[in-house]
C-alpha atoms as a PDB file:
ATOM      1  CA  MET A   1      19.119   2.842 -21.122  1.00  0.00           C
ATOM      2  CA  PRO A   2      15.770   4.207 -19.838  1.00  0.00           C
ATOM      3  CA  LEU A   3      14.912   4.748 -16.188  1.00  0.00           C
ATOM      4  CA  SER A   4      12.978   1.977 -14.490  1.00  0.00           C
ATOM      5  CA  LEU A   5      10.851   2.281 -11.369  1.00  0.00           C
ATOM      6  CA  ALA A   6      12.560   0.287  -8.615  1.00  0.00           C
ATOM      7  CA  HIS A   7      10.621   1.065  -5.427  1.00  0.00           C
ATOM      8  CA  VAL A   8       7.572   2.787  -4.073  1.00  0.00           C
ATOM      9  CA  THR A   9       8.777   4.026  -0.695  1.00  0.00           C
ATOM     10  CA  VAL A  10       6.506   4.610   2.284  1.00  0.00           C
ATOM     11  CA  ASP A  11       7.670   6.625   5.304  1.00  0.00           C
ATOM     12  CA  CYS A  12       6.282   5.036   8.454  1.00  0.00           C
ATOM     13  CA  HIS A  13       6.660   4.497  12.196  1.00  0.00           C
ATOM     14  CA  ASP A  14       7.041   0.678  12.148  1.00  0.00           C
ATOM     15  CA  ALA A  15       8.353  -0.670   8.847  1.00  0.00           C
ATOM     16  CA  ALA A  16       7.897  -4.384   9.591  1.00  0.00           C
ATOM     17  CA  ALA A  17       4.330  -3.964  10.856  1.00  0.00           C
ATOM     18  CA  LEU A  18       3.245  -1.869   7.882  1.00  0.00           C
ATOM     19  CA  ALA A  19       4.995  -4.244   5.469  1.00  0.00           C
ATOM     20  CA  GLY A  20       2.984  -7.024   7.116  1.00  0.00           C
ATOM     21  CA  PHE A  21      -0.290  -5.265   6.275  1.00  0.00           C
ATOM     22  CA  TRP A  22       0.697  -4.780   2.631  1.00  0.00           C
ATOM     23  CA  SER A  23       2.075  -8.327   2.455  1.00  0.00           C
ATOM     24  CA  GLU A  24      -1.276  -9.755   3.516  1.00  0.00           C
ATOM     25  CA  LEU A  25      -3.279  -7.473   1.208  1.00  0.00           C
ATOM     26  CA  LEU A  26      -1.135  -8.234  -1.859  1.00  0.00           C
ATOM     27  CA  ALA A  27      -0.514 -11.922  -1.028  1.00  0.00           C
ATOM     28  CA  LEU A  28       3.266 -11.379  -1.206  1.00  0.00           C
ATOM     29  CA  ALA A  29       5.759 -12.265   1.502  1.00  0.00           C
ATOM     30  CA  VAL A  30       7.587  -9.662   3.548  1.00  0.00           C
ATOM     31  CA  ASP A  31      11.178  -9.963   2.354  1.00  0.00           C
ATOM     32  CA  GLU A  32      13.837 -11.409   4.644  1.00  0.00           C
ATOM     33  CA  GLY A  33      15.532  -9.033   7.078  1.00  0.00           C
ATOM     34  CA  ALA A  34      12.513  -6.882   7.927  1.00  0.00           C
ATOM     35  CA  SER A  35      12.739  -4.785  11.089  1.00  0.00           C
ATOM     36  CA  GLU A  36      10.912  -1.825  12.611  1.00  0.00           C
ATOM     37  CA  HIS A  37      13.427   0.374  10.725  1.00  0.00           C
ATOM     38  CA  PHE A  38      13.311  -1.092   7.200  1.00  0.00           C
ATOM     39  CA  ALA A  39      11.267  -3.666   5.282  1.00  0.00           C
ATOM     40  CA  THR A  40      10.360  -4.543   1.703  1.00  0.00           C
ATOM     41  CA  VAL A  41       7.613  -6.520  -0.006  1.00  0.00           C
ATOM     42  CA  GLY A  42       8.034  -8.008  -3.466  1.00  0.00           C
ATOM     43  CA  ARG A  43      11.809  -8.243  -3.850  1.00  0.00           C
ATOM     44  CA  ALA A  44      11.982 -12.030  -3.338  1.00  0.00           C
ATOM     45  CA  ALA A  45       9.004 -12.515  -5.683  1.00  0.00           C
ATOM     46  CA  GLU A  46      10.731 -10.282  -8.260  1.00  0.00           C
ATOM     47  CA  VAL A  47       7.732  -7.961  -8.387  1.00  0.00           C
ATOM     48  CA  SER A  48       8.363  -4.505  -9.767  1.00  0.00           C
ATOM     49  CA  PRO A  49       8.159  -2.029  -8.264  1.00  0.00           C
ATOM     50  CA  VAL A  50       9.096  -3.297  -4.819  1.00  0.00           C
ATOM     51  CA  LEU A  51       7.282  -1.693  -1.890  1.00  0.00           C
ATOM     52  CA  MET A  52       9.842  -0.281   0.556  1.00  0.00           C
ATOM     53  CA  PHE A  53       8.994   0.852   4.096  1.00  0.00           C
ATOM     54  CA  ILE A  54      11.383   3.106   5.998  1.00  0.00           C
ATOM     55  CA  GLN A  55      10.990   4.290   9.580  1.00  0.00           C
ATOM     56  CA  VAL A  56      11.202   8.082   9.853  1.00  0.00           C
ATOM     57  CA  PRO A  57      10.983  10.289  12.953  1.00  0.00           C
ATOM     58  CA  ASP A  58       8.253  12.527  11.482  1.00  0.00           C
ATOM     59  CA  LYS A  59       5.984  11.816   8.543  1.00  0.00           C
ATOM     60  CA  ASN A  60       4.881  14.690   6.345  1.00  0.00           C
ATOM     61  CA  PRO A  61       1.712  16.213   7.824  1.00  0.00           C
ATOM     62  CA  GLY A  62      -1.542  16.186   5.881  1.00  0.00           C
ATOM     63  CA  LYS A  63      -2.696  14.180   2.887  1.00  0.00           C
ATOM     64  CA  ASN A  64      -0.061  12.216   1.029  1.00  0.00           C
ATOM     65  CA  VAL A  65       0.284  13.514  -2.514  1.00  0.00           C
ATOM     66  CA  ILE A  66       1.191  10.163  -4.085  1.00  0.00           C
ATOM     67  CA  HIS A  67      -0.804   7.051  -3.380  1.00  0.00           C
ATOM     68  CA  LEU A  68      -1.262   3.538  -4.783  1.00  0.00           C
ATOM     69  CA  ASP A  69      -4.227   2.663  -7.004  1.00  0.00           C
ATOM     70  CA  PHE A  70      -5.310  -0.958  -7.422  1.00  0.00           C
ATOM     71  CA  ASN A  71      -8.060  -2.392  -9.570  1.00  0.00           C
ATOM     72  CA  ALA A  72      -9.783  -5.741  -9.893  1.00  0.00           C
ATOM     73  CA  GLU A  73     -13.001  -7.163 -11.302  1.00  0.00           C
ATOM     74  CA  GLU A  74     -14.134  -8.215  -7.815  1.00  0.00           C
ATOM     75  CA  TRP A  75     -12.863  -4.991  -6.274  1.00  0.00           C
ATOM     76  CA  HIS A  76     -15.469  -4.831  -3.489  1.00  0.00           C
ATOM     77  CA  GLN A  77     -14.053  -8.090  -2.091  1.00  0.00           C
ATOM     78  CA  TYR A  78     -10.588  -6.526  -1.948  1.00  0.00           C
ATOM     79  CA  VAL A  79     -11.963  -3.454  -0.185  1.00  0.00           C
ATOM     80  CA  GLU A  80     -13.503  -5.686   2.483  1.00  0.00           C
ATOM     81  CA  ARG A  81     -10.271  -7.706   2.740  1.00  0.00           C
ATOM     82  CA  ALA A  82      -8.248  -4.521   3.249  1.00  0.00           C
ATOM     83  CA  ILE A  83     -10.634  -3.408   6.003  1.00  0.00           C
ATOM     84  CA  SER A  84     -10.404  -6.820   7.694  1.00  0.00           C
ATOM     85  CA  LEU A  85      -6.598  -6.428   7.703  1.00  0.00           C
ATOM     86  CA  GLY A  86      -6.775  -3.043   9.424  1.00  0.00           C
ATOM     87  CA  ALA A  87      -7.446  -0.483   6.695  1.00  0.00           C
ATOM     88  CA  LYS A  88      -9.950   2.312   7.268  1.00  0.00           C
ATOM     89  CA  ARG A  89     -12.569   3.201   4.643  1.00  0.00           C
ATOM     90  CA  ILE A  90     -12.239   6.894   3.761  1.00  0.00           C
ATOM     91  CA  GLY A  91     -14.908   7.122   1.063  1.00  0.00           C
ATOM     92  CA  ASP A  92     -16.592   5.586  -1.955  1.00  0.00           C
ATOM     93  CA  PHE A  93     -16.423   7.416  -5.286  1.00  0.00           C
ATOM     94  CA  SER A  94     -17.958   7.234  -8.747  1.00  0.00           C
ATOM     95  CA  GLU A  95     -16.413   9.900 -10.935  1.00  0.00           C
ATOM     96  CA  TYR A  96     -14.873  10.329 -14.386  1.00  0.00           C
ATOM     97  CA  GLY A  97     -16.350   7.007 -15.526  1.00  0.00           C
ATOM     98  CA  GLY A  98     -14.736   5.022 -12.710  1.00  0.00           C
ATOM     99  CA  GLN A  99     -15.691   3.582  -9.336  1.00  0.00           C
ATOM    100  CA  TRP A 100     -13.345   3.163  -6.404  1.00  0.00           C
ATOM    101  CA  THR A 101     -12.974   3.210  -2.638  1.00  0.00           C
ATOM    102  CA  THR A 102     -10.305   5.273  -0.932  1.00  0.00           C
ATOM    103  CA  LEU A 103      -8.819   3.622   2.143  1.00  0.00           C
ATOM    104  CA  ALA A 104      -6.065   4.357   4.652  1.00  0.00           C
ATOM    105  CA  ASP A 105      -3.568   1.697   5.705  1.00  0.00           C
ATOM    106  CA  PRO A 106      -2.908   1.188   9.453  1.00  0.00           C
ATOM    107  CA  GLU A 107      -0.539   4.208   9.501  1.00  0.00           C
ATOM    108  CA  GLY A 108      -2.913   6.477   7.552  1.00  0.00           C
ATOM    109  CA  ASN A 109      -1.357   6.239   4.064  1.00  0.00           C
ATOM    110  CA  LEU A 110      -4.092   6.528   1.452  1.00  0.00           C
ATOM    111  CA  PHE A 111      -4.702   4.033  -1.353  1.00  0.00           C
ATOM    112  CA  ASP A 112      -7.555   3.263  -3.741  1.00  0.00           C
ATOM    113  CA  ILE A 113      -9.159   0.009  -4.849  1.00  0.00           C
ATOM    114  CA  GLY A 114     -11.452   0.280  -7.835  1.00  0.00           C
ATOM    115  CA  ALA A 115     -13.251  -1.426 -10.671  1.00  0.00           C
ATOM    116  CA  LYS A 116     -11.189  -2.904 -13.474  1.00  0.00           C
END
């Protein structure tokens, strides 16, 4: 039986609050039982992988080496939606035949939204 990706885990300071941001951006509910210590998004909707948020005392310093990439035909609308929910625009890029915007979620975790 092959491995399957179960979760994308994000270390954070407030799991429920950060799950709330991602819940709004992805139009998925925060799963039942969320607290400042632990929360998930996507389990109840049977989305795979599930986003998991875990409170940690100290996040790794510097740029995160793994980040989420999203794409959509109307990607600029999603960039603006993310910003309205509390994301920060880091930069706009057009490289390697692609276009995308790098953003940071409310706790500084980087993610990209680009053209499909």
